[in-house]
N, C-alpha and C. Protein backbone atom coordinates (compact mmCIF):
# COMPACT_ATOMS: atom_id res chain seq x y z
N MET A 1 -5.62 -13.46 -12.30
CA MET A 1 -5.52 -13.33 -10.86
C MET A 1 -6.82 -13.87 -10.24
N ALA A 2 -6.68 -14.88 -9.45
CA ALA A 2 -7.84 -15.47 -8.80
C ALA A 2 -8.20 -14.68 -7.54
N ASP A 3 -9.48 -14.69 -7.21
CA ASP A 3 -9.94 -13.95 -6.03
C ASP A 3 -9.38 -14.50 -4.72
N ASN A 4 -8.98 -15.78 -4.72
CA ASN A 4 -8.51 -16.39 -3.47
C ASN A 4 -6.99 -16.36 -3.32
N GLN A 5 -6.30 -15.68 -4.23
CA GLN A 5 -4.84 -15.58 -4.14
C GLN A 5 -4.43 -14.18 -3.68
N HIS A 6 -3.39 -14.13 -2.88
CA HIS A 6 -2.84 -12.84 -2.46
C HIS A 6 -2.13 -12.19 -3.64
N SER A 7 -2.26 -10.89 -3.74
CA SER A 7 -1.56 -10.13 -4.76
C SER A 7 -0.95 -8.89 -4.13
N LEU A 8 0.03 -8.35 -4.81
CA LEU A 8 0.76 -7.19 -4.35
C LEU A 8 0.18 -5.93 -5.00
N TYR A 9 -0.13 -4.91 -4.19
CA TYR A 9 -0.70 -3.66 -4.69
C TYR A 9 0.07 -2.48 -4.13
N LEU A 10 0.14 -1.44 -4.93
CA LEU A 10 0.69 -0.17 -4.51
C LEU A 10 -0.46 0.81 -4.40
N VAL A 11 -0.64 1.41 -3.23
CA VAL A 11 -1.71 2.38 -3.01
C VAL A 11 -1.05 3.72 -2.70
N ALA A 12 -1.41 4.74 -3.48
CA ALA A 12 -0.88 6.08 -3.29
C ALA A 12 -2.03 7.05 -3.15
N TYR A 13 -1.82 8.09 -2.37
CA TYR A 13 -2.92 9.04 -2.16
C TYR A 13 -2.42 10.46 -2.01
N ASP A 14 -3.31 11.39 -2.35
CA ASP A 14 -3.09 12.82 -2.16
C ASP A 14 -4.39 13.34 -1.54
N ILE A 15 -4.36 13.64 -0.27
CA ILE A 15 -5.55 14.02 0.49
C ILE A 15 -5.43 15.49 0.90
N ALA A 16 -6.47 16.27 0.60
CA ALA A 16 -6.43 17.72 0.81
C ALA A 16 -6.58 18.14 2.27
N ASP A 17 -7.33 17.39 3.05
CA ASP A 17 -7.64 17.78 4.43
C ASP A 17 -6.82 16.95 5.43
N PRO A 18 -6.16 17.58 6.39
CA PRO A 18 -5.34 16.84 7.36
C PRO A 18 -6.10 15.77 8.14
N LYS A 19 -7.35 16.03 8.51
CA LYS A 19 -8.13 15.02 9.24
C LYS A 19 -8.38 13.79 8.37
N ARG A 20 -8.76 14.02 7.12
CA ARG A 20 -8.98 12.88 6.21
C ARG A 20 -7.66 12.16 5.93
N LEU A 21 -6.59 12.92 5.82
CA LEU A 21 -5.27 12.33 5.59
C LEU A 21 -4.92 11.36 6.71
N THR A 22 -5.16 11.76 7.94
CA THR A 22 -4.88 10.90 9.09
C THR A 22 -5.74 9.64 9.05
N ARG A 23 -7.00 9.78 8.69
CA ARG A 23 -7.90 8.61 8.63
C ARG A 23 -7.47 7.63 7.53
N ILE A 24 -7.10 8.16 6.37
CA ILE A 24 -6.65 7.30 5.26
C ILE A 24 -5.37 6.60 5.65
N HIS A 25 -4.44 7.33 6.21
CA HIS A 25 -3.16 6.75 6.63
C HIS A 25 -3.39 5.63 7.65
N SER A 26 -4.26 5.86 8.61
CA SER A 26 -4.56 4.84 9.63
C SER A 26 -5.19 3.60 9.02
N ALA A 27 -6.13 3.80 8.10
CA ALA A 27 -6.80 2.66 7.45
C ALA A 27 -5.80 1.82 6.66
N LEU A 28 -4.90 2.48 5.96
CA LEU A 28 -3.91 1.74 5.17
C LEU A 28 -2.84 1.09 6.04
N LYS A 29 -2.49 1.74 7.12
CA LYS A 29 -1.46 1.19 8.00
C LYS A 29 -1.90 -0.13 8.63
N LYS A 30 -3.21 -0.31 8.79
CA LYS A 30 -3.74 -1.58 9.33
C LYS A 30 -3.59 -2.72 8.33
N GLN A 31 -3.52 -2.40 7.05
CA GLN A 31 -3.51 -3.43 6.01
C GLN A 31 -2.18 -3.54 5.27
N GLY A 32 -1.34 -2.51 5.37
CA GLY A 32 -0.14 -2.52 4.54
C GLY A 32 1.06 -1.92 5.22
N LEU A 33 2.06 -1.68 4.41
CA LEU A 33 3.34 -1.19 4.88
C LEU A 33 3.66 0.11 4.16
N PRO A 34 3.87 1.21 4.90
CA PRO A 34 4.19 2.47 4.22
C PRO A 34 5.61 2.41 3.64
N VAL A 35 5.75 2.80 2.38
CA VAL A 35 7.07 2.84 1.76
C VAL A 35 7.51 4.28 1.48
N GLN A 36 6.57 5.20 1.51
CA GLN A 36 6.82 6.63 1.47
C GLN A 36 5.68 7.29 2.23
N TYR A 37 5.68 8.62 2.33
CA TYR A 37 4.67 9.29 3.14
C TYR A 37 3.25 8.98 2.71
N SER A 38 2.97 8.95 1.45
CA SER A 38 1.60 8.70 0.98
C SER A 38 1.53 7.51 0.04
N VAL A 39 2.41 6.54 0.25
CA VAL A 39 2.47 5.35 -0.60
C VAL A 39 2.59 4.12 0.28
N PHE A 40 1.71 3.16 0.03
CA PHE A 40 1.70 1.91 0.79
C PHE A 40 1.81 0.72 -0.14
N ILE A 41 2.41 -0.34 0.34
CA ILE A 41 2.37 -1.65 -0.30
C ILE A 41 1.42 -2.51 0.52
N VAL A 42 0.48 -3.16 -0.14
CA VAL A 42 -0.42 -4.10 0.54
C VAL A 42 -0.42 -5.42 -0.21
N VAL A 43 -0.53 -6.48 0.54
CA VAL A 43 -0.66 -7.82 -0.04
C VAL A 43 -1.98 -8.37 0.48
N LEU A 44 -2.94 -8.46 -0.43
CA LEU A 44 -4.30 -8.86 -0.05
C LEU A 44 -4.93 -9.73 -1.12
N LYS A 45 -5.92 -10.51 -0.70
CA LYS A 45 -6.78 -11.18 -1.67
C LYS A 45 -7.71 -10.12 -2.26
N ARG A 46 -8.23 -10.38 -3.45
CA ARG A 46 -9.04 -9.39 -4.17
C ARG A 46 -10.22 -8.88 -3.34
N LYS A 47 -10.94 -9.77 -2.67
CA LYS A 47 -12.09 -9.35 -1.87
C LYS A 47 -11.68 -8.42 -0.74
N ALA A 48 -10.56 -8.71 -0.10
CA ALA A 48 -10.07 -7.85 0.98
C ALA A 48 -9.64 -6.49 0.43
N LEU A 49 -9.05 -6.49 -0.75
CA LEU A 49 -8.67 -5.23 -1.38
C LEU A 49 -9.91 -4.39 -1.68
N LEU A 50 -10.94 -5.01 -2.21
CA LEU A 50 -12.17 -4.29 -2.52
C LEU A 50 -12.81 -3.72 -1.26
N ARG A 51 -12.76 -4.47 -0.15
CA ARG A 51 -13.26 -3.95 1.13
C ARG A 51 -12.44 -2.75 1.60
N LEU A 52 -11.13 -2.83 1.46
CA LEU A 52 -10.26 -1.73 1.85
C LEU A 52 -10.56 -0.49 1.01
N LEU A 53 -10.70 -0.65 -0.30
CA LEU A 53 -10.98 0.48 -1.17
C LEU A 53 -12.37 1.06 -0.90
N ALA A 54 -13.33 0.21 -0.57
CA ALA A 54 -14.67 0.70 -0.22
C ALA A 54 -14.60 1.52 1.07
N ARG A 55 -13.82 1.06 2.03
CA ARG A 55 -13.64 1.79 3.28
C ARG A 55 -13.00 3.15 3.02
N ILE A 56 -11.96 3.16 2.21
CA ILE A 56 -11.28 4.42 1.88
C ILE A 56 -12.24 5.36 1.15
N SER A 57 -13.06 4.80 0.30
CA SER A 57 -14.03 5.61 -0.46
C SER A 57 -14.97 6.37 0.47
N THR A 58 -15.28 5.80 1.62
CA THR A 58 -16.16 6.49 2.58
C THR A 58 -15.44 7.58 3.34
N LEU A 59 -14.11 7.57 3.32
CA LEU A 59 -13.32 8.51 4.09
C LEU A 59 -12.86 9.73 3.30
N ILE A 60 -12.88 9.63 1.98
CA ILE A 60 -12.33 10.72 1.17
C ILE A 60 -13.42 11.67 0.68
N ASN A 61 -12.99 12.82 0.24
CA ASN A 61 -13.85 13.75 -0.48
C ASN A 61 -13.50 13.58 -1.95
N LYS A 62 -14.40 13.03 -2.73
CA LYS A 62 -14.10 12.67 -4.12
C LYS A 62 -13.82 13.88 -5.00
N ARG A 63 -14.18 15.05 -4.56
CA ARG A 63 -13.90 16.27 -5.34
C ARG A 63 -12.52 16.84 -5.03
N GLU A 64 -11.96 16.50 -3.86
CA GLU A 64 -10.70 17.10 -3.44
C GLU A 64 -9.54 16.11 -3.34
N ASP A 65 -9.84 14.85 -3.12
CA ASP A 65 -8.80 13.86 -2.84
C ASP A 65 -8.57 12.93 -4.03
N ASP A 66 -7.39 12.31 -4.04
CA ASP A 66 -7.02 11.37 -5.10
C ASP A 66 -6.37 10.15 -4.47
N VAL A 67 -6.96 8.98 -4.68
CA VAL A 67 -6.41 7.71 -4.19
C VAL A 67 -6.28 6.79 -5.39
N ARG A 68 -5.11 6.18 -5.53
CA ARG A 68 -4.88 5.27 -6.66
C ARG A 68 -4.33 3.94 -6.15
N CYS A 69 -4.78 2.87 -6.78
CA CYS A 69 -4.34 1.52 -6.41
C CYS A 69 -3.86 0.81 -7.67
N TYR A 70 -2.64 0.33 -7.63
CA TYR A 70 -2.03 -0.34 -8.79
C TYR A 70 -1.68 -1.78 -8.42
N HIS A 71 -2.11 -2.71 -9.24
CA HIS A 71 -1.72 -4.11 -9.07
C HIS A 71 -0.29 -4.25 -9.58
N LEU A 72 0.58 -4.84 -8.77
CA LEU A 72 1.97 -5.03 -9.16
C LEU A 72 2.22 -6.49 -9.50
N PRO A 73 3.02 -6.75 -10.53
CA PRO A 73 3.35 -8.13 -10.86
C PRO A 73 4.22 -8.75 -9.77
N GLU A 74 4.18 -10.07 -9.68
CA GLU A 74 4.96 -10.75 -8.63
C GLU A 74 6.45 -10.54 -8.81
N ASN A 75 6.91 -10.66 -10.02
CA ASN A 75 8.35 -10.54 -10.28
C ASN A 75 8.64 -9.19 -10.92
N ASN A 76 8.57 -8.14 -10.14
CA ASN A 76 8.82 -6.82 -10.69
C ASN A 76 10.17 -6.30 -10.21
N GLU A 77 10.75 -5.46 -11.03
CA GLU A 77 11.99 -4.81 -10.66
C GLU A 77 11.68 -3.38 -10.29
N ALA A 78 12.38 -2.87 -9.32
CA ALA A 78 12.18 -1.48 -8.90
C ALA A 78 13.54 -0.87 -8.57
N ASP A 79 13.72 0.34 -8.99
CA ASP A 79 14.91 1.08 -8.65
C ASP A 79 14.53 2.14 -7.63
N ALA A 80 15.37 2.36 -6.67
CA ALA A 80 15.12 3.37 -5.63
C ALA A 80 16.30 4.32 -5.60
N LEU A 81 15.99 5.59 -5.62
CA LEU A 81 17.02 6.62 -5.58
C LEU A 81 16.78 7.51 -4.37
N GLY A 82 17.82 8.02 -3.78
CA GLY A 82 17.66 8.92 -2.65
C GLY A 82 17.44 8.19 -1.34
N ARG A 83 16.96 8.92 -0.35
CA ARG A 83 16.73 8.38 0.99
C ARG A 83 15.65 7.31 0.94
N GLN A 84 15.93 6.18 1.54
CA GLN A 84 15.02 5.05 1.52
C GLN A 84 14.32 4.88 2.86
N PHE A 85 13.11 4.34 2.82
CA PHE A 85 12.34 4.09 4.03
C PHE A 85 12.99 3.00 4.88
N PHE A 86 13.45 1.92 4.22
CA PHE A 86 14.05 0.80 4.93
C PHE A 86 15.57 0.97 4.96
N PRO A 87 16.22 0.55 6.04
CA PRO A 87 17.68 0.50 6.02
C PRO A 87 18.16 -0.47 4.94
N GLU A 88 19.41 -0.37 4.56
CA GLU A 88 19.93 -1.20 3.47
C GLU A 88 19.82 -2.69 3.74
N ASP A 89 19.86 -3.10 5.00
CA ASP A 89 19.81 -4.52 5.31
C ASP A 89 18.39 -5.06 5.50
N VAL A 90 17.37 -4.26 5.22
CA VAL A 90 15.98 -4.69 5.34
C VAL A 90 15.35 -4.66 3.96
N MET A 91 14.68 -5.77 3.60
CA MET A 91 14.03 -5.87 2.29
C MET A 91 12.60 -6.32 2.47
N LEU A 92 11.68 -5.78 1.68
CA LEU A 92 10.30 -6.24 1.63
C LEU A 92 10.18 -7.17 0.45
N PHE A 93 9.65 -8.37 0.66
CA PHE A 93 9.42 -9.27 -0.46
C PHE A 93 8.14 -10.03 -0.19
N THR A 94 7.60 -10.64 -1.25
CA THR A 94 6.33 -11.34 -1.09
C THR A 94 6.29 -12.61 -1.91
N ASN A 95 5.62 -13.56 -1.38
CA ASN A 95 5.22 -14.75 -2.10
C ASN A 95 3.85 -15.12 -1.53
N GLY A 96 2.94 -14.15 -1.61
CA GLY A 96 1.60 -14.37 -1.09
C GLY A 96 1.35 -13.75 0.27
N VAL A 97 2.42 -13.27 0.94
CA VAL A 97 2.24 -12.66 2.26
C VAL A 97 3.21 -11.49 2.40
N ASN A 98 2.89 -10.56 3.31
CA ASN A 98 3.82 -9.50 3.65
C ASN A 98 4.93 -10.10 4.50
N ARG A 99 6.16 -9.77 4.15
CA ARG A 99 7.27 -10.22 4.96
C ARG A 99 8.33 -9.14 4.96
N ILE A 100 9.07 -9.09 6.01
CA ILE A 100 10.25 -8.23 6.06
C ILE A 100 11.42 -9.11 6.42
N TRP A 101 12.45 -9.02 5.64
CA TRP A 101 13.65 -9.81 5.84
C TRP A 101 14.73 -8.90 6.38
N ILE A 102 15.33 -9.24 7.50
CA ILE A 102 16.40 -8.45 8.09
C ILE A 102 17.68 -9.25 7.98
N GLN A 103 18.63 -8.69 7.25
CA GLN A 103 19.91 -9.35 7.05
C GLN A 103 20.82 -9.05 8.22
N HIS A 104 21.41 -10.08 8.82
CA HIS A 104 22.33 -9.88 9.94
C HIS A 104 23.73 -10.23 9.52
């Protein structure tokens, strides 16, 4: 993975304090797309990801909070069960950028 290429990441968090939770959610919402209450998909270049994680690091309490970031492969399969964030006719896909496709 080159530093100048966009990659897909899954960021999940468990924040103990409601104020910190709001700050983390706001910081991630500026960079990514929420797919569940505490789970975001972001598509960023490596340097931008490191800046985002450094910003989050200043907002959390490292003794009480848990934030995880996973690099996802480009061609990954995912199964979803239960209530979904997106309606059935909306899909998130990437080829270097965040996109939402709405089927009409």
